[in-house]
């Protein structure tokens, strides 16, 4: 979770709080902020990534003024025409096609204000920007910008002085040798073209999403800004700019619209419009355990800085500001009603509903599978849903058809969603090669596949047997016993349908009643060697959902 450092004295001034600044610590948690630490007038607050407007003291203060009754309704945001325009090169259509801009005049940027503004920029990069892949933001000293501005496609030989440097670098050099180029360059096509923002004097303002130009560096004392936001999603670009618009307005800036021209189409940014959402007062009362009239709901929404256009009967028509893109559904509005009502006014109640709970049918069937495997002398293990490409595919000798990969994984060891349990079981055996044999393990868990163009999650049951004489016959016998204990029947086997990591000629596909269940066989010695396993291993993997369906059918036939 992101963290923001605040000075309670400055926050109290922004909120117009008349009590001791430390008294705000009693209020802050009821805005959805967690207090990580507090030392005198300084506090560290943890906030939800869905609320990037809380990345600065100005955004927090705007919300607190509503909860404390200092102000009501949406934060007023307005802008006038700045006279600045951006023309977009059609050559960027398949690269990084979208750009938006804004002008902010009349600022008083001291060191702390600049620090918080840059932190907001980076939090937006990490959150909705997806590490700058989807959205990147540039802040520029407006006095050094000569409009109009062009958003153009250039080649690797285009040169400018990057932020913090003294000599010109080419785009190719930045991508290959600069720290930020190596870190964020994967967001751009390797062969180009590359996006840059240029003013009418030819100054390079920005090379998004990598780095700004030194020429328009923002410093303490800068009193006017030009803000650019580029990305691959126009919605997210405008979302990010709306958060910056709120923050800069709260900092005292006068906002200016920037015209963006996409050939014959022109738009004006930032987007300061509101969205309409409808909320039933009965629905809000039911979810919160309160008795709220429509006017009560409207008043609570106003304290949460949500506007109200009208109240018609039981329905409140809410106006949600653009920067509150976390509010998407009626239930999100109910949460804002709770904030506006005040959590201290809510009291927990124990609901003693009649009736008794019971285990679900699926849980009962899964427990039966576990009991059957344990009865065969197997030990249950649990492996991770996210694993590495190396284990899931490379070591297994498998060719991925449509692998599902985490976009922003912190580690290559937890990057791919598993589509089979067998690699994880073999990794467990590899990690326990120093223990005594025989080793018999199983796992019942979820696997994810994307075959046929649709992502599908299903339950899978797999086991592995490792010792000096482990072979196909033992694995088949264990599988027969497991299926017999669940269904009272013996599956059939076919030499077709074998797949890695099992070895061709010593494995079979398993079916019952015309329904395919899975595979059973011996693990390829080359796979065992690559994992450091020095004894034979036989294994099986079954479709647990199919097994449960067969169990339900058998139970239904008996009842009939």
Protein backbone atom coordinates (compact mmCIF):
# COMPACT_ATOMS: atom_id res chain seq x y z
CA UNK A 1 0.00 0.00 0.00
CA UNK A 2 1.32 3.49 -0.81
CA UNK A 3 2.29 5.80 2.05
CA UNK A 4 2.18 9.60 2.29
CA UNK A 5 4.14 11.72 4.81
CA UNK A 6 2.12 14.64 6.16
CA UNK A 7 2.81 17.58 8.44
CA UNK A 8 -0.27 17.79 10.66
CA UNK A 9 0.27 21.54 11.15
CA UNK A 10 0.06 22.22 7.45
CA UNK A 11 -2.81 19.75 7.04
CA UNK A 12 -4.72 21.49 9.86
CA UNK A 13 -4.31 24.82 8.05
CA UNK A 14 -5.57 23.34 4.76
CA UNK A 15 -8.55 21.73 6.49
CA UNK A 16 -9.24 24.90 8.53
CA UNK A 17 -9.05 22.81 11.68
CA UNK A 18 -9.16 24.96 14.82
CA UNK A 19 -8.03 22.40 17.37
CA UNK A 20 -4.54 21.05 18.07
CA UNK A 21 -3.05 19.60 14.84
CA UNK A 22 -2.53 16.21 16.52
CA UNK A 23 -6.31 16.05 17.01
CA UNK A 24 -6.61 15.28 13.30
CA UNK A 25 -5.26 11.81 14.07
CA UNK A 26 -8.67 11.04 15.62
CA UNK A 27 -10.40 12.00 12.35
CA UNK A 28 -8.04 10.72 9.67
CA UNK A 29 -8.92 6.97 10.01
CA UNK A 30 -12.58 7.78 9.26
CA UNK A 31 -11.51 9.00 5.81
CA UNK A 32 -10.21 5.52 4.96
CA UNK A 33 -6.57 6.32 5.79
CA UNK A 34 -4.47 4.14 8.10
CA UNK A 35 -1.98 5.78 10.45
CA UNK A 36 1.29 3.90 10.01
CA UNK A 37 3.19 6.09 12.48
CA UNK A 38 3.00 9.48 14.18
CA UNK A 39 5.82 11.46 15.74
CA UNK A 40 4.73 14.85 17.02
CA UNK A 41 3.33 16.90 14.14
CA UNK A 42 4.60 14.42 11.51
CA UNK A 43 2.61 11.36 10.46
CA UNK A 44 2.87 8.60 7.88
CA UNK A 45 -0.48 7.65 6.39
CA UNK A 46 -1.25 4.57 4.32
CA UNK A 47 -3.92 4.95 1.62
CA UNK A 48 -5.61 2.77 -0.96
CA UNK A 49 -4.07 2.73 -4.46
CA UNK A 50 -7.64 3.42 -5.66
CA UNK A 51 -7.39 6.88 -4.11
CA UNK A 52 -4.35 8.56 -5.73
CA UNK A 53 -5.86 11.94 -4.77
CA UNK A 54 -4.71 11.03 -1.24
CA UNK A 55 -1.05 11.07 -2.33
CA UNK A 56 -0.69 14.71 -1.16
CA UNK A 57 -1.80 16.78 1.81
CA UNK A 58 -3.96 18.88 -0.53
CA UNK A 59 -6.03 15.93 -1.71
CA UNK A 60 -6.48 14.61 1.84
CA UNK A 61 -7.49 18.06 3.06
CA UNK A 62 -10.14 18.43 0.35
CA UNK A 63 -11.83 15.21 1.52
CA UNK A 64 -11.48 15.98 5.24
CA UNK A 65 -13.14 19.38 4.82
CA UNK A 66 -16.22 17.51 3.64
CA UNK A 67 -16.24 14.95 6.45
CA UNK A 68 -15.77 17.71 9.03
CA UNK A 69 -18.59 19.79 7.60
CA UNK A 70 -16.37 22.69 6.55
CA UNK A 71 -17.55 22.25 2.94
CA UNK A 72 -20.16 20.10 1.23
CA UNK A 73 -20.56 18.66 -2.22
CA UNK A 74 -17.95 18.20 -4.93
CA UNK A 75 -14.66 20.07 -4.83
CA UNK A 76 -15.17 23.02 -7.23
CA UNK A 77 -12.90 22.70 -10.26
CA UNK A 78 -12.83 25.10 -13.19
CA UNK A 79 -10.49 26.05 -16.02
CA UNK A 80 -10.21 28.66 -18.77
CA UNK A 81 -8.68 28.50 -22.22
CA UNK A 82 -4.86 28.57 -21.98
CA UNK A 83 -4.23 29.11 -25.69
CA UNK A 84 -1.87 26.10 -25.69
CA UNK A 85 -2.45 23.34 -28.23
CA UNK A 86 -0.93 19.93 -28.94
CA UNK A 87 -0.95 18.42 -32.44
CA UNK A 88 -0.67 14.62 -32.57
CA UNK A 89 1.39 12.84 -35.23
CA UNK A 90 -0.65 9.98 -36.83
CA UNK A 91 2.59 7.94 -36.85
CA UNK A 92 2.15 7.35 -33.10
CA UNK A 93 -1.16 5.51 -33.56
CA UNK A 94 0.32 2.07 -32.91
CA UNK A 95 3.01 3.21 -30.46
CA UNK A 96 1.66 5.49 -27.71
CA UNK A 97 -1.28 7.23 -29.36
CA UNK A 98 -2.89 9.35 -26.64
CA UNK A 99 -1.84 12.64 -25.06
CA UNK A 100 -3.55 15.22 -22.87
CA UNK A 101 -2.34 18.46 -21.36
CA UNK A 102 -3.09 21.16 -18.82
CA UNK A 103 -1.72 24.53 -17.74
CA UNK A 104 -1.50 25.62 -14.08
CA UNK A 105 -0.69 29.26 -13.30
CA UNK A 106 -0.29 31.19 -10.05
CA UNK A 107 1.51 28.48 -8.09
CA UNK A 108 3.84 29.00 -5.16
CA UNK A 109 6.05 25.91 -5.33
CA UNK A 110 8.28 25.60 -2.28
CA UNK A 111 10.42 22.53 -1.65
CA UNK A 112 7.70 20.59 0.17
CA UNK A 113 5.02 21.34 -2.43
CA UNK A 114 7.36 20.23 -5.22
CA UNK A 115 8.28 17.05 -3.33
CA UNK A 116 4.63 16.10 -2.86
CA UNK A 117 3.78 16.89 -6.48
CA UNK A 118 6.57 14.61 -7.72
CA UNK A 119 5.45 11.88 -5.32
CA UNK A 120 1.92 12.12 -6.72
CA UNK A 121 3.40 11.82 -10.21
CA UNK A 122 5.26 8.64 -9.29
CA UNK A 123 2.27 7.14 -7.46
CA UNK A 124 0.16 7.66 -10.57
CA UNK A 125 2.92 6.05 -12.65
CA UNK A 126 2.91 2.97 -10.42
CA UNK A 127 -0.88 2.70 -10.01
CA UNK A 128 -3.07 3.48 -13.00
CA UNK A 129 0.08 4.00 -15.07
CA UNK A 130 1.20 0.36 -14.60
CA UNK A 131 4.84 1.40 -14.23
CA UNK A 132 4.44 3.96 -17.01
CA UNK A 133 3.29 1.38 -19.57
CA UNK A 134 -0.26 2.69 -19.66
CA UNK A 135 0.26 6.28 -18.46
CA UNK A 136 3.28 8.59 -18.07
CA UNK A 137 3.28 12.18 -16.77
CA UNK A 138 5.55 15.11 -17.53
CA UNK A 139 5.79 18.32 -15.44
CA UNK A 140 7.35 21.36 -17.14
CA UNK A 141 8.12 24.99 -16.33
CA UNK A 142 5.58 26.77 -18.53
CA UNK A 143 7.75 29.89 -18.83
CA UNK A 144 10.27 27.84 -20.82
CA UNK A 145 7.70 26.28 -23.18
CA UNK A 146 6.94 27.96 -26.51
CA UNK A 147 3.55 26.77 -27.83
CA UNK A 148 2.16 25.28 -29.96
CA UNK A 149 3.35 21.82 -29.01
CA UNK A 150 3.78 18.80 -31.28
CA UNK A 151 3.52 15.16 -30.19
CA UNK A 152 5.67 13.51 -32.82
CA UNK A 153 7.21 10.21 -33.85
CA UNK A 154 11.01 10.28 -34.16
CA UNK A 155 13.80 7.84 -34.89
CA UNK A 156 16.59 6.65 -32.57
CA UNK A 157 18.88 9.47 -33.75
CA UNK A 158 16.75 12.26 -32.27
CA UNK A 159 18.85 14.04 -29.62
CA UNK A 160 18.15 16.29 -26.62
CA UNK A 161 19.50 16.95 -23.11
CA UNK A 162 17.64 14.62 -20.70
CA UNK A 163 16.62 15.77 -17.23
CA UNK A 164 19.64 15.83 -14.93
CA UNK A 165 22.20 15.60 -17.76
CA UNK A 166 24.53 18.19 -19.30
CA UNK A 167 25.03 16.85 -22.81
CA UNK A 168 22.62 15.77 -25.53
CA UNK A 169 21.73 12.09 -25.71
CA UNK A 170 20.09 10.37 -28.65
CA UNK A 171 16.90 8.42 -28.09
CA UNK A 172 18.83 5.26 -28.94
CA UNK A 173 21.46 6.06 -26.30
CA UNK A 174 18.81 6.72 -23.65
CA UNK A 175 17.13 3.38 -24.32
CA UNK A 176 20.38 1.40 -24.27
CA UNK A 177 22.50 3.23 -21.69
CA UNK A 178 20.42 5.49 -19.46
CA UNK A 179 19.10 4.00 -16.20
CA UNK A 180 15.50 5.10 -16.91
CA UNK A 181 15.74 3.97 -20.52
CA UNK A 182 16.70 0.45 -19.46
CA UNK A 183 13.99 0.44 -16.79
CA UNK A 184 11.04 1.70 -18.84
CA UNK A 185 12.13 1.21 -22.45
CA UNK A 186 10.21 -2.07 -22.80
CA UNK A 187 7.03 -0.01 -22.97
CA UNK A 188 8.09 1.15 -26.45
CA UNK A 189 8.61 -0.86 -29.66
CA UNK A 190 12.26 -1.87 -30.02
CA UNK A 191 12.45 -0.73 -33.63
CA UNK A 192 10.63 2.57 -33.09
CA UNK A 193 9.26 5.02 -33.91
CA UNK A 194 9.49 6.81 -30.55
CA UNK A 195 7.20 9.52 -29.11
CA UNK A 196 8.50 12.98 -28.13
CA UNK A 197 6.85 16.29 -27.21
CA UNK A 198 8.39 19.30 -28.98
CA UNK A 199 7.57 22.99 -28.68
CA UNK A 200 7.61 25.48 -31.56
CA UNK A 201 11.26 26.37 -30.87
CA UNK A 202 12.28 22.72 -31.29
CA UNK A 203 12.92 22.07 -27.58
CA UNK A 204 12.23 18.48 -26.54
CA UNK A 205 9.92 18.69 -23.55
CA UNK A 206 9.58 14.97 -22.97
CA UNK A 207 10.45 11.53 -24.28
CA UNK A 208 7.57 9.54 -22.75
CA UNK A 209 7.42 7.29 -20.87
CA UNK A 210 11.17 7.53 -20.19
CA UNK A 211 12.33 11.02 -19.22
CA UNK A 212 11.69 14.76 -19.54
CA UNK A 213 14.04 17.26 -21.08
CA UNK A 214 16.37 19.37 -18.95
CA UNK A 215 15.23 22.57 -20.69
CA UNK A 216 11.85 22.68 -18.89
CA UNK A 217 13.00 21.43 -15.46
CA UNK A 218 10.64 22.39 -12.61
CA UNK A 219 12.33 23.93 -9.57
CA UNK A 220 11.40 25.65 -6.32
CA UNK A 221 9.92 28.99 -7.20
CA UNK A 222 8.35 27.82 -10.48
CA UNK A 223 5.01 29.61 -10.63
CA UNK A 224 3.41 28.05 -13.72
CA UNK A 225 3.33 24.52 -15.08
CA UNK A 226 2.59 22.74 -18.32
CA UNK A 227 1.50 19.16 -17.60
CA UNK A 228 1.49 16.43 -20.23
CA UNK A 229 0.07 12.93 -19.84
CA UNK A 230 0.66 10.28 -22.51
CA UNK A 231 -0.42 6.68 -22.71
CA UNK A 232 -2.04 3.74 -24.42
CA UNK A 233 -5.54 4.33 -22.97
CA UNK A 234 -7.27 7.69 -23.36
CA UNK A 235 -9.52 6.92 -20.39
CA UNK A 236 -6.55 6.35 -18.10
CA UNK A 237 -4.72 9.39 -19.48
CA UNK A 238 -7.70 11.61 -18.62
CA UNK A 239 -8.10 9.90 -15.22
CA UNK A 240 -4.51 10.70 -14.28
CA UNK A 241 -4.82 14.30 -15.49
CA UNK A 242 -8.00 14.79 -13.43
CA UNK A 243 -6.14 13.85 -10.21
CA UNK A 244 -3.41 16.35 -11.07
CA UNK A 245 -6.08 18.97 -11.82
CA UNK A 246 -7.64 18.49 -8.37
CA UNK A 247 -4.26 18.68 -6.63
CA UNK A 248 -2.99 21.74 -8.49
CA UNK A 249 -6.31 23.54 -7.98
CA UNK A 250 -6.15 22.81 -4.25
CA UNK A 251 -2.59 24.18 -4.27
CA UNK A 252 -4.01 27.47 -5.48
CA UNK A 253 -3.34 27.23 -9.22
CA UNK A 254 -5.57 28.61 -11.94
CA UNK A 255 -6.14 25.80 -14.41
CA UNK A 256 -6.04 26.19 -18.19
CA UNK A 257 -7.47 23.92 -20.86
CA UNK A 258 -5.14 22.57 -23.56
CA UNK A 259 -6.53 21.71 -26.98
CA UNK A 260 -5.40 18.37 -28.43
CA UNK A 261 -5.78 17.82 -32.17
CA UNK A 262 -5.99 14.33 -33.62
CA UNK A 263 -6.23 15.20 -37.30
CA UNK A 264 -9.80 16.45 -37.87
CA UNK A 265 -10.78 15.59 -34.25
CA UNK A 266 -10.06 18.00 -31.37
CA UNK A 267 -10.59 17.56 -27.63
CA UNK A 268 -10.07 19.90 -24.69
CA UNK A 269 -8.25 18.65 -21.59
CA UNK A 270 -8.41 18.24 -18.63
CA UNK A 271 -11.86 16.64 -18.43
CA UNK A 272 -13.52 18.22 -15.39
CA UNK A 273 -16.97 16.73 -16.02
CA UNK A 274 -18.93 14.52 -13.60
CA UNK A 275 -20.60 11.15 -14.06
CA UNK A 276 -24.14 10.37 -12.93
CA UNK A 277 -24.82 7.35 -10.71
CA UNK A 278 -28.13 6.48 -9.09
CA UNK A 279 -28.53 5.21 -5.55
CA UNK A 280 -31.61 3.90 -3.83
CA UNK A 281 -31.97 5.14 -0.25
CA UNK A 282 -33.56 1.79 0.67
CA UNK A 283 -30.55 -0.02 -0.78
CA UNK A 284 -28.11 2.15 1.16
CA UNK A 285 -30.11 1.69 4.38
CA UNK A 286 -30.24 -2.07 3.92
CA UNK A 287 -26.50 -2.46 3.34
CA UNK A 288 -25.53 -0.14 6.21
CA UNK A 289 -28.14 -1.28 8.72
CA UNK A 290 -29.51 2.26 9.01
CA UNK A 291 -32.82 3.98 8.38
CA UNK A 292 -31.85 6.73 5.93
CA UNK A 293 -34.21 8.97 4.00
CA UNK A 294 -33.22 10.10 0.48
CA UNK A 295 -32.34 13.53 1.92
CA UNK A 296 -30.12 11.83 4.54
CA UNK A 297 -28.32 9.96 1.74
CA UNK A 298 -27.84 13.19 -0.22
CA UNK A 299 -26.42 14.93 2.85
CA UNK A 300 -23.98 12.06 3.54
CA UNK A 301 -22.82 12.05 -0.07
CA UNK A 302 -22.18 15.78 0.13
CA UNK A 303 -19.95 15.28 3.17
CA UNK A 304 -18.01 12.68 1.10
CA UNK A 305 -17.50 15.30 -1.64
CA UNK A 306 -20.02 13.64 -3.98
CA UNK A 307 -22.49 15.96 -5.69
CA UNK A 308 -26.25 15.40 -5.93
CA UNK A 309 -28.18 16.55 -8.99
CA UNK A 310 -31.64 15.63 -7.77
CA UNK A 311 -33.66 13.41 -5.46
CA UNK A 312 -36.62 11.65 -7.08
CA UNK A 313 -38.68 9.53 -4.74
CA UNK A 314 -36.33 6.92 -3.27
CA UNK A 315 -33.55 7.57 -5.81
CA UNK A 316 -30.65 9.97 -5.33
CA UNK A 317 -28.90 11.01 -8.57
CA UNK A 318 -25.25 11.48 -7.60
CA UNK A 319 -22.60 13.45 -9.51
CA UNK A 320 -19.17 11.81 -9.26
CA UNK A 321 -16.14 13.94 -10.13
CA UNK A 322 -13.77 12.63 -12.79
CA UNK A 323 -10.90 12.12 -10.31
CA UNK A 324 -13.09 9.71 -8.29
CA UNK A 325 -12.76 6.94 -10.87
CA UNK A 326 -12.79 4.44 -7.99
CA UNK A 327 -16.55 5.04 -7.67
CA UNK A 328 -18.01 2.77 -10.33
CA UNK A 329 -21.11 1.15 -8.85
CA UNK A 330 -24.06 1.80 -6.58
CA UNK A 331 -22.27 -0.09 -3.80
CA UNK A 332 -19.30 2.28 -4.08
CA UNK A 333 -21.73 5.13 -3.41
CA UNK A 334 -23.03 3.26 -0.36
CA UNK A 335 -19.47 3.20 0.97
CA UNK A 336 -19.26 6.98 0.48
CA UNK A 337 -22.56 7.34 2.33
CA UNK A 338 -20.96 5.44 5.22
CA UNK A 339 -17.99 7.83 5.23
CA UNK A 340 -20.31 10.81 5.12
CA UNK A 341 -22.54 9.41 7.87
CA UNK A 342 -19.47 8.79 10.02
CA UNK A 343 -18.20 5.37 11.04
CA UNK A 344 -18.26 6.35 14.74
CA UNK A 345 -22.05 6.49 14.39
CA UNK A 346 -22.25 2.90 13.18
CA UNK A 347 -22.55 0.19 15.82
CA UNK A 348 -21.93 -3.51 15.11
CA UNK A 349 -24.79 -5.89 15.72
CA UNK A 350 -24.70 -9.68 15.91
CA UNK A 351 -27.29 -11.15 13.56
CA UNK A 352 -28.66 -14.43 14.90
CA UNK A 353 -30.30 -15.82 11.80
CA UNK A 354 -32.17 -19.11 12.29
CA UNK A 355 -30.69 -22.27 10.86
CA UNK A 356 -27.32 -23.96 10.98
CA UNK A 357 -24.44 -23.86 8.57
CA UNK A 358 -23.19 -26.89 6.73
CA UNK A 359 -20.43 -27.99 4.43
CA UNK A 360 -21.07 -27.39 0.74
CA UNK A 361 -21.37 -30.27 -1.71
CA UNK A 362 -18.14 -29.29 -3.47
CA UNK A 363 -16.20 -29.12 -0.21
CA UNK A 364 -17.54 -32.54 0.79
CA UNK A 365 -16.46 -34.05 -2.53
CA UNK A 366 -13.02 -32.46 -2.30
CA UNK A 367 -12.61 -33.81 1.25
CA UNK A 368 -13.53 -37.26 -0.07
CA UNK A 369 -10.74 -36.97 -2.68
CA UNK A 370 -8.25 -35.92 -0.02
CA UNK A 371 -9.30 -38.78 2.26
CA UNK A 372 -8.89 -41.26 -0.61
CA UNK A 373 -5.37 -40.01 -1.41
CA UNK A 374 -4.33 -39.98 2.25
CA UNK A 375 -5.72 -43.52 2.58
CA UNK A 376 -3.28 -44.56 -0.15
CA UNK A 377 -0.36 -43.35 1.96
CA UNK A 378 0.08 -39.99 0.24
CA UNK A 379 0.93 -36.69 1.92
CA UNK A 380 -0.83 -33.48 0.84
CA UNK A 381 1.27 -30.53 -0.30
CA UNK A 382 0.28 -27.02 -1.37
CA UNK A 383 2.24 -25.20 -4.08
CA UNK A 384 1.89 -21.65 -5.36
CA UNK A 385 -0.51 -20.60 -8.12
CA UNK A 386 2.14 -18.28 -9.56
CA UNK A 387 5.36 -19.93 -10.66
CA UNK A 388 8.24 -19.42 -13.08
CA UNK A 389 8.36 -20.02 -16.81
CA UNK A 390 11.47 -22.13 -16.21
CA UNK A 391 9.66 -24.60 -13.93
CA UNK A 392 6.27 -24.58 -15.63
CA UNK A 393 7.53 -25.00 -19.20
CA UNK A 394 11.30 -25.08 -19.79
CA UNK A 395 12.27 -27.83 -17.29
CA UNK A 396 9.17 -29.84 -18.15
CA UNK A 397 9.91 -29.75 -21.89
CA UNK A 398 6.48 -28.21 -22.47
CA UNK A 399 5.64 -25.67 -25.17
CA UNK A 400 3.22 -23.04 -23.87
CA UNK A 401 0.22 -22.40 -26.11
CA UNK A 402 -1.28 -19.36 -24.37
CA UNK A 403 0.60 -18.78 -21.10
CA UNK A 404 -0.96 -16.38 -18.60
CA UNK A 405 1.70 -14.04 -17.25
CA UNK A 406 1.49 -11.42 -14.51
CA UNK A 407 2.09 -7.99 -16.03
CA UNK A 408 4.04 -6.47 -13.12
CA UNK A 409 5.54 -9.42 -11.26
CA UNK A 410 8.07 -8.60 -8.55
CA UNK A 411 9.96 -11.85 -9.23
CA UNK A 412 10.53 -14.18 -12.14
CA UNK A 413 9.86 -17.06 -9.73
CA UNK A 414 6.22 -15.99 -9.39
CA UNK A 415 5.30 -14.75 -12.86
CA UNK A 416 3.11 -17.35 -14.64
CA UNK A 417 -0.23 -18.79 -13.56
CA UNK A 418 0.04 -22.56 -13.42
CA UNK A 419 -1.95 -24.62 -15.91
CA UNK A 420 -0.87 -27.93 -14.35
CA UNK A 421 -0.09 -29.21 -10.83
CA UNK A 422 2.62 -31.67 -11.90
CA UNK A 423 5.49 -29.14 -12.20
CA UNK A 424 4.85 -27.99 -8.63
CA UNK A 425 4.79 -31.58 -7.32
CA UNK A 426 8.06 -32.36 -9.08
CA UNK A 427 9.60 -29.23 -7.59
CA UNK A 428 8.57 -30.45 -4.12
CA UNK A 429 10.26 -33.79 -4.82
CA UNK A 430 13.35 -31.97 -6.06
CA UNK A 431 13.48 -29.86 -2.89
CA UNK A 432 13.22 -33.01 -0.76
CA UNK A 433 15.66 -35.24 -2.64
CA UNK A 434 17.70 -35.52 0.57
CA UNK A 435 14.79 -37.16 2.45
CA UNK A 436 14.14 -40.89 2.69
CA UNK A 437 12.18 -42.73 -0.02
CA UNK A 438 9.54 -43.74 -0.94
CA UNK A 439 7.89 -40.32 -1.21
CA UNK A 440 4.21 -40.13 -2.14
CA UNK A 441 2.61 -36.68 -2.41
CA UNK A 442 -0.59 -35.19 -3.83
CA UNK A 443 -2.23 -31.81 -4.34
CA UNK A 444 -5.81 -30.67 -4.95
CA UNK A 445 -5.87 -27.14 -6.32
CA UNK A 446 -6.84 -24.70 -9.03
CA UNK A 447 -5.21 -24.45 -12.44
CA UNK A 448 -5.81 -21.77 -15.08
CA UNK A 449 -5.79 -22.21 -18.85
CA UNK A 450 -6.48 -19.91 -21.80
CA UNK A 451 -7.09 -22.46 -24.55
CA UNK A 452 -9.69 -21.61 -27.15
CA UNK A 453 -9.51 -17.89 -26.47
CA UNK A 454 -11.27 -18.04 -23.07
CA UNK A 455 -9.64 -18.12 -19.65
CA UNK A 456 -10.86 -21.06 -17.60
CA UNK A 457 -10.21 -21.96 -13.97
CA UNK A 458 -10.74 -25.54 -12.89
CA UNK A 459 -9.88 -27.82 -9.98
CA UNK A 460 -7.22 -30.46 -10.52
CA UNK A 461 -6.03 -33.46 -8.51
CA UNK A 462 -2.47 -34.71 -9.02
CA UNK A 463 -0.13 -37.13 -7.28
CA UNK A 464 3.49 -38.22 -7.66
CA UNK A 465 5.27 -41.34 -6.38
CA UNK A 466 9.07 -41.40 -6.09
CA UNK A 467 11.30 -44.34 -5.16
CA UNK A 468 13.73 -46.76 -6.83
CA UNK A 469 11.01 -48.96 -8.36
CA UNK A 470 8.29 -46.40 -9.08
CA UNK A 471 6.62 -47.11 -12.41
CA UNK A 472 3.46 -46.98 -14.50
CA UNK A 473 1.85 -50.00 -12.79
CA UNK A 474 2.04 -48.47 -9.30
CA UNK A 475 0.61 -45.12 -10.45
CA UNK A 476 -2.19 -46.88 -12.34
CA UNK A 477 -3.02 -49.02 -9.30
CA UNK A 478 -3.14 -45.96 -7.06
CA UNK A 479 -5.40 -44.17 -9.54
CA UNK A 480 -7.71 -47.20 -9.82
CA UNK A 481 -8.03 -47.33 -6.03
CA UNK A 482 -8.71 -43.60 -5.79
CA UNK A 483 -11.44 -43.63 -8.46
CA UNK A 484 -12.98 -46.81 -7.01
CA UNK A 485 -13.25 -45.25 -3.55
CA UNK A 486 -15.11 -42.25 -5.04
CA UNK A 487 -17.21 -43.87 -7.76
CA UNK A 488 -17.07 -47.64 -7.25
CA UNK A 489 -15.87 -48.04 -10.84
CA UNK A 490 -12.61 -48.60 -12.71
CA UNK A 491 -11.48 -46.09 -15.37
CA UNK A 492 -10.31 -47.07 -18.83
CA UNK A 493 -6.91 -46.24 -20.34
CA UNK A 494 -5.70 -45.28 -23.80
CA UNK A 495 -2.10 -44.85 -25.03
CA UNK A 496 -3.13 -41.67 -26.89
CA UNK A 497 -3.19 -38.19 -25.35
CA UNK A 498 0.10 -38.45 -23.46
CA UNK A 499 1.81 -35.11 -22.70
CA UNK A 500 4.88 -33.76 -20.97
CA UNK A 501 6.39 -34.16 -18.45
CA UNK A 502 5.31 -37.82 -18.81
CA UNK A 503 7.32 -39.95 -21.22
CA UNK A 504 5.84 -41.18 -24.50
CA UNK A 505 5.14 -44.94 -24.45
CA UNK A 506 4.90 -45.13 -20.66
CA UNK A 507 1.82 -43.05 -20.06
CA UNK A 508 -1.89 -43.15 -20.89
CA UNK A 509 -4.95 -40.95 -20.93
CA UNK A 510 -7.66 -41.80 -18.38
CA UNK A 511 -11.41 -41.75 -18.97
CA UNK A 512 -14.58 -42.99 -17.35
CA UNK A 513 -18.08 -43.21 -18.77
CA UNK A 514 -16.92 -41.57 -21.99
CA UNK A 515 -15.53 -38.57 -20.10
CA UNK A 516 -11.81 -37.75 -20.19
CA UNK A 517 -10.32 -37.48 -16.70
CA UNK A 518 -6.59 -36.91 -17.18
CA UNK A 519 -3.25 -38.67 -17.63
CA UNK A 520 -1.08 -41.16 -15.76
CA UNK A 521 2.42 -42.46 -16.38
CA UNK A 522 6.14 -42.18 -15.73
CA UNK A 523 7.99 -38.86 -15.69
CA UNK A 524 10.60 -38.40 -18.43
CA UNK A 525 14.12 -39.10 -17.03
CA UNK A 526 15.44 -35.93 -18.70
CA UNK A 527 12.97 -33.89 -16.61
CA UNK A 528 14.06 -35.70 -13.45
CA UNK A 529 17.72 -35.07 -14.29
CA UNK A 530 17.15 -31.35 -14.81
CA UNK A 531 15.48 -31.18 -11.37
CA UNK A 532 18.15 -33.22 -9.59
CA UNK A 533 15.78 -36.12 -8.81
CA UNK A 534 17.79 -39.37 -8.88
CA UNK A 535 14.99 -41.94 -8.57
CA UNK A 536 12.12 -42.81 -10.95
CA UNK A 537 8.86 -40.92 -10.52
CA UNK A 538 5.38 -41.95 -11.66
CA UNK A 539 2.52 -39.46 -11.56
CA UNK A 540 -1.05 -38.67 -12.55
CA UNK A 541 -3.16 -35.56 -12.96
CA UNK A 542 -6.95 -35.66 -13.05
CA UNK A 543 -9.68 -33.14 -13.76
CA UNK A 544 -11.21 -32.84 -10.28
CA UNK A 545 -14.24 -30.97 -11.64
CA UNK A 546 -14.99 -33.91 -13.95
CA UNK A 547 -14.61 -36.33 -11.04
CA UNK A 548 -17.05 -34.31 -8.95
CA UNK A 549 -19.55 -34.19 -11.81
CA UNK A 550 -19.40 -37.99 -12.05
CA UNK A 551 -19.88 -38.27 -8.29
CA UNK A 552 -22.94 -36.00 -8.46
CA UNK A 553 -24.36 -38.04 -11.33
CA UNK A 554 -23.84 -41.27 -9.41
CA UNK A 555 -25.52 -39.78 -6.34
CA UNK A 556 -28.45 -38.54 -8.45
CA UNK A 557 -28.88 -41.96 -10.05
CA UNK A 558 -29.05 -43.57 -6.61
CA UNK A 559 -31.65 -41.09 -5.38
CA UNK A 560 -33.70 -41.65 -8.55
